[in-house]
């Protein structure tokens, strides 16, 4: 199967939800990983901060990229520099749509 996006760099994304007790979160991660065009770099995985950090560690994420609030993660996209494209601007909500 030919994918016209293969020549582009991978899209780095963050996930809100989809923690250890989620079934759909795992389905999304598996599908995205299977394509090979996406890299999970950050996430807010659980309403409980300890559980979210533990799950992020199980996924092999950098502990500094496992957040407790989606707004904090959106701020990290622009201010922390993990956004690799030109879609990042002063609007954290705009950046969050591309997680």
C-alpha atoms as a PDB file:
ATOM      1  CA  UNK A   1       0.000   0.000   0.000  1.00  0.00           C
ATOM      2  CA  UNK A   2       1.377   3.387  -0.992  1.00  0.00           C
ATOM      3  CA  UNK A   3       1.111   6.241   1.475  1.00  0.00           C
ATOM      4  CA  UNK A   4       1.639   9.704   0.036  1.00  0.00           C
ATOM      5  CA  UNK A   5       2.705  11.035   3.446  1.00  0.00           C
ATOM      6  CA  UNK A   6       5.692   8.698   3.855  1.00  0.00           C
ATOM      7  CA  UNK A   7       8.096  11.276   2.434  1.00  0.00           C
ATOM      8  CA  UNK A   8       7.109  13.758   5.164  1.00  0.00           C
ATOM      9  CA  UNK A   9       8.663  13.700   8.630  1.00  0.00           C
ATOM     10  CA  UNK A  10       6.735  11.848  11.312  1.00  0.00           C
ATOM     11  CA  UNK A  11       4.061  13.754  13.188  1.00  0.00           C
ATOM     12  CA  UNK A  12       4.914  13.981  16.859  1.00  0.00           C
ATOM     13  CA  UNK A  13       1.806  13.945  19.023  1.00  0.00           C
ATOM     14  CA  UNK A  14       0.541  14.032  22.589  1.00  0.00           C
ATOM     15  CA  UNK A  15      -2.439  12.097  23.867  1.00  0.00           C
ATOM     16  CA  UNK A  16      -5.109  13.207  26.319  1.00  0.00           C
ATOM     17  CA  UNK A  17      -6.619  10.198  28.091  1.00  0.00           C
ATOM     18  CA  UNK A  18      -5.995   6.650  27.001  1.00  0.00           C
ATOM     19  CA  UNK A  19      -4.353   5.530  30.231  1.00  0.00           C
ATOM     20  CA  UNK A  20      -3.970   2.083  31.767  1.00  0.00           C
ATOM     21  CA  UNK A  21      -7.701   1.470  32.209  1.00  0.00           C
ATOM     22  CA  UNK A  22      -8.635   2.680  28.723  1.00  0.00           C
ATOM     23  CA  UNK A  23      -9.298   0.243  25.931  1.00  0.00           C
ATOM     24  CA  UNK A  24      -9.697   2.775  23.148  1.00  0.00           C
ATOM     25  CA  UNK A  25      -6.450   4.593  24.003  1.00  0.00           C
ATOM     26  CA  UNK A  26      -4.456   1.450  23.356  1.00  0.00           C
ATOM     27  CA  UNK A  27      -6.303   0.929  20.073  1.00  0.00           C
ATOM     28  CA  UNK A  28      -5.381   4.432  18.918  1.00  0.00           C
ATOM     29  CA  UNK A  29      -1.721   4.062  19.922  1.00  0.00           C
ATOM     30  CA  UNK A  30      -1.423   0.696  18.173  1.00  0.00           C
ATOM     31  CA  UNK A  31      -3.009   2.035  14.978  1.00  0.00           C
ATOM     32  CA  UNK A  32      -0.806   5.134  14.955  1.00  0.00           C
ATOM     33  CA  UNK A  33       2.322   3.107  15.664  1.00  0.00           C
ATOM     34  CA  UNK A  34       1.469   0.624  12.941  1.00  0.00           C
ATOM     35  CA  UNK A  35       1.484   3.350  10.301  1.00  0.00           C
ATOM     36  CA  UNK A  36       4.988   4.385  11.317  1.00  0.00           C
ATOM     37  CA  UNK A  37       4.249   8.035  10.578  1.00  0.00           C
ATOM     38  CA  UNK A  38       3.502   9.136  14.132  1.00  0.00           C
ATOM     39  CA  UNK A  39       5.563   9.388  17.322  1.00  0.00           C
ATOM     40  CA  UNK A  40       3.943   9.635  20.746  1.00  0.00           C
ATOM     41  CA  UNK A  41       5.995  12.165  22.683  1.00  0.00           C
ATOM     42  CA  UNK A  42       3.718  13.368  25.462  1.00  0.00           C
ATOM     43  CA  UNK A  43       0.481  12.747  27.247  1.00  0.00           C
ATOM     44  CA  UNK A  44      -2.030  13.366  29.989  1.00  0.00           C
ATOM     45  CA  UNK A  45      -3.052   9.777  30.611  1.00  0.00           C
ATOM     46  CA  UNK A  46      -5.047   9.771  33.837  1.00  0.00           C
ATOM     47  CA  UNK A  47      -6.972  12.089  36.121  1.00  0.00           C
ATOM     48  CA  UNK A  48      -4.774  10.719  38.917  1.00  0.00           C
ATOM     49  CA  UNK A  49      -1.302  12.267  38.420  1.00  0.00           C
ATOM     50  CA  UNK A  50       0.582   9.315  39.914  1.00  0.00           C
ATOM     51  CA  UNK A  51      -1.227   6.819  37.687  1.00  0.00           C
ATOM     52  CA  UNK A  52      -0.649   9.017  34.650  1.00  0.00           C
ATOM     53  CA  UNK A  53       3.081   9.310  35.350  1.00  0.00           C
ATOM     54  CA  UNK A  54       3.355   5.562  35.926  1.00  0.00           C
ATOM     55  CA  UNK A  55       1.601   4.822  32.648  1.00  0.00           C
ATOM     56  CA  UNK A  56       3.758   7.315  30.745  1.00  0.00           C
ATOM     57  CA  UNK A  57       6.843   5.561  32.123  1.00  0.00           C
ATOM     58  CA  UNK A  58       5.436   2.200  30.972  1.00  0.00           C
ATOM     59  CA  UNK A  59       5.119   3.675  27.489  1.00  0.00           C
ATOM     60  CA  UNK A  60       8.757   4.793  27.643  1.00  0.00           C
ATOM     61  CA  UNK A  61       8.032   8.515  27.542  1.00  0.00           C
ATOM     62  CA  UNK A  62      10.331  11.163  28.943  1.00  0.00           C
ATOM     63  CA  UNK A  63       8.957  11.917  32.451  1.00  0.00           C
ATOM     64  CA  UNK A  64       9.058  15.639  31.629  1.00  0.00           C
ATOM     65  CA  UNK A  65       6.564  14.998  28.818  1.00  0.00           C
ATOM     66  CA  UNK A  66       3.955  13.277  31.001  1.00  0.00           C
ATOM     67  CA  UNK A  67       1.590  15.994  32.154  1.00  0.00           C
ATOM     68  CA  UNK A  68      -1.231  16.275  34.677  1.00  0.00           C
ATOM     69  CA  UNK A  69      -3.373  18.711  32.682  1.00  0.00           C
ATOM     70  CA  UNK A  70      -4.026  19.132  28.965  1.00  0.00           C
ATOM     71  CA  UNK A  71      -3.427  22.887  29.217  1.00  0.00           C
ATOM     72  CA  UNK A  72       0.002  22.240  30.692  1.00  0.00           C
ATOM     73  CA  UNK A  73       0.780  19.894  27.811  1.00  0.00           C
ATOM     74  CA  UNK A  74      -0.422  22.464  25.261  1.00  0.00           C
ATOM     75  CA  UNK A  75       1.937  24.992  26.825  1.00  0.00           C
ATOM     76  CA  UNK A  76       4.781  22.508  26.555  1.00  0.00           C
ATOM     77  CA  UNK A  77       4.181  22.115  22.843  1.00  0.00           C
ATOM     78  CA  UNK A  78       5.135  25.694  22.023  1.00  0.00           C
ATOM     79  CA  UNK A  79       7.243  26.698  24.986  1.00  0.00           C
ATOM     80  CA  UNK A  80       9.063  23.402  25.410  1.00  0.00           C
ATOM     81  CA  UNK A  81       9.933  23.104  21.779  1.00  0.00           C
ATOM     82  CA  UNK A  82       8.729  19.577  21.083  1.00  0.00           C
ATOM     83  CA  UNK A  83       6.531  20.762  18.265  1.00  0.00           C
ATOM     84  CA  UNK A  84       8.485  20.204  15.072  1.00  0.00           C
ATOM     85  CA  UNK A  85       6.256  21.837  12.491  1.00  0.00           C
ATOM     86  CA  UNK A  86       5.233  25.341  11.596  1.00  0.00           C
ATOM     87  CA  UNK A  87       1.723  24.930  13.014  1.00  0.00           C
ATOM     88  CA  UNK A  88       2.700  26.203  16.432  1.00  0.00           C
ATOM     89  CA  UNK A  89       1.785  29.792  17.156  1.00  0.00           C
ATOM     90  CA  UNK A  90       0.856  31.861  20.197  1.00  0.00           C
ATOM     91  CA  UNK A  91      -2.435  30.022  20.608  1.00  0.00           C
ATOM     92  CA  UNK A  92      -2.012  27.000  22.849  1.00  0.00           C
ATOM     93  CA  UNK A  93      -5.472  25.773  21.883  1.00  0.00           C
ATOM     94  CA  UNK A  94      -4.436  25.845  18.223  1.00  0.00           C
ATOM     95  CA  UNK A  95      -1.332  23.819  19.021  1.00  0.00           C
ATOM     96  CA  UNK A  96      -3.327  21.335  21.094  1.00  0.00           C
ATOM     97  CA  UNK A  97      -5.452  20.386  18.083  1.00  0.00           C
ATOM     98  CA  UNK A  98      -2.338  18.937  16.495  1.00  0.00           C
ATOM     99  CA  UNK A  99      -1.390  16.682  19.399  1.00  0.00           C
END
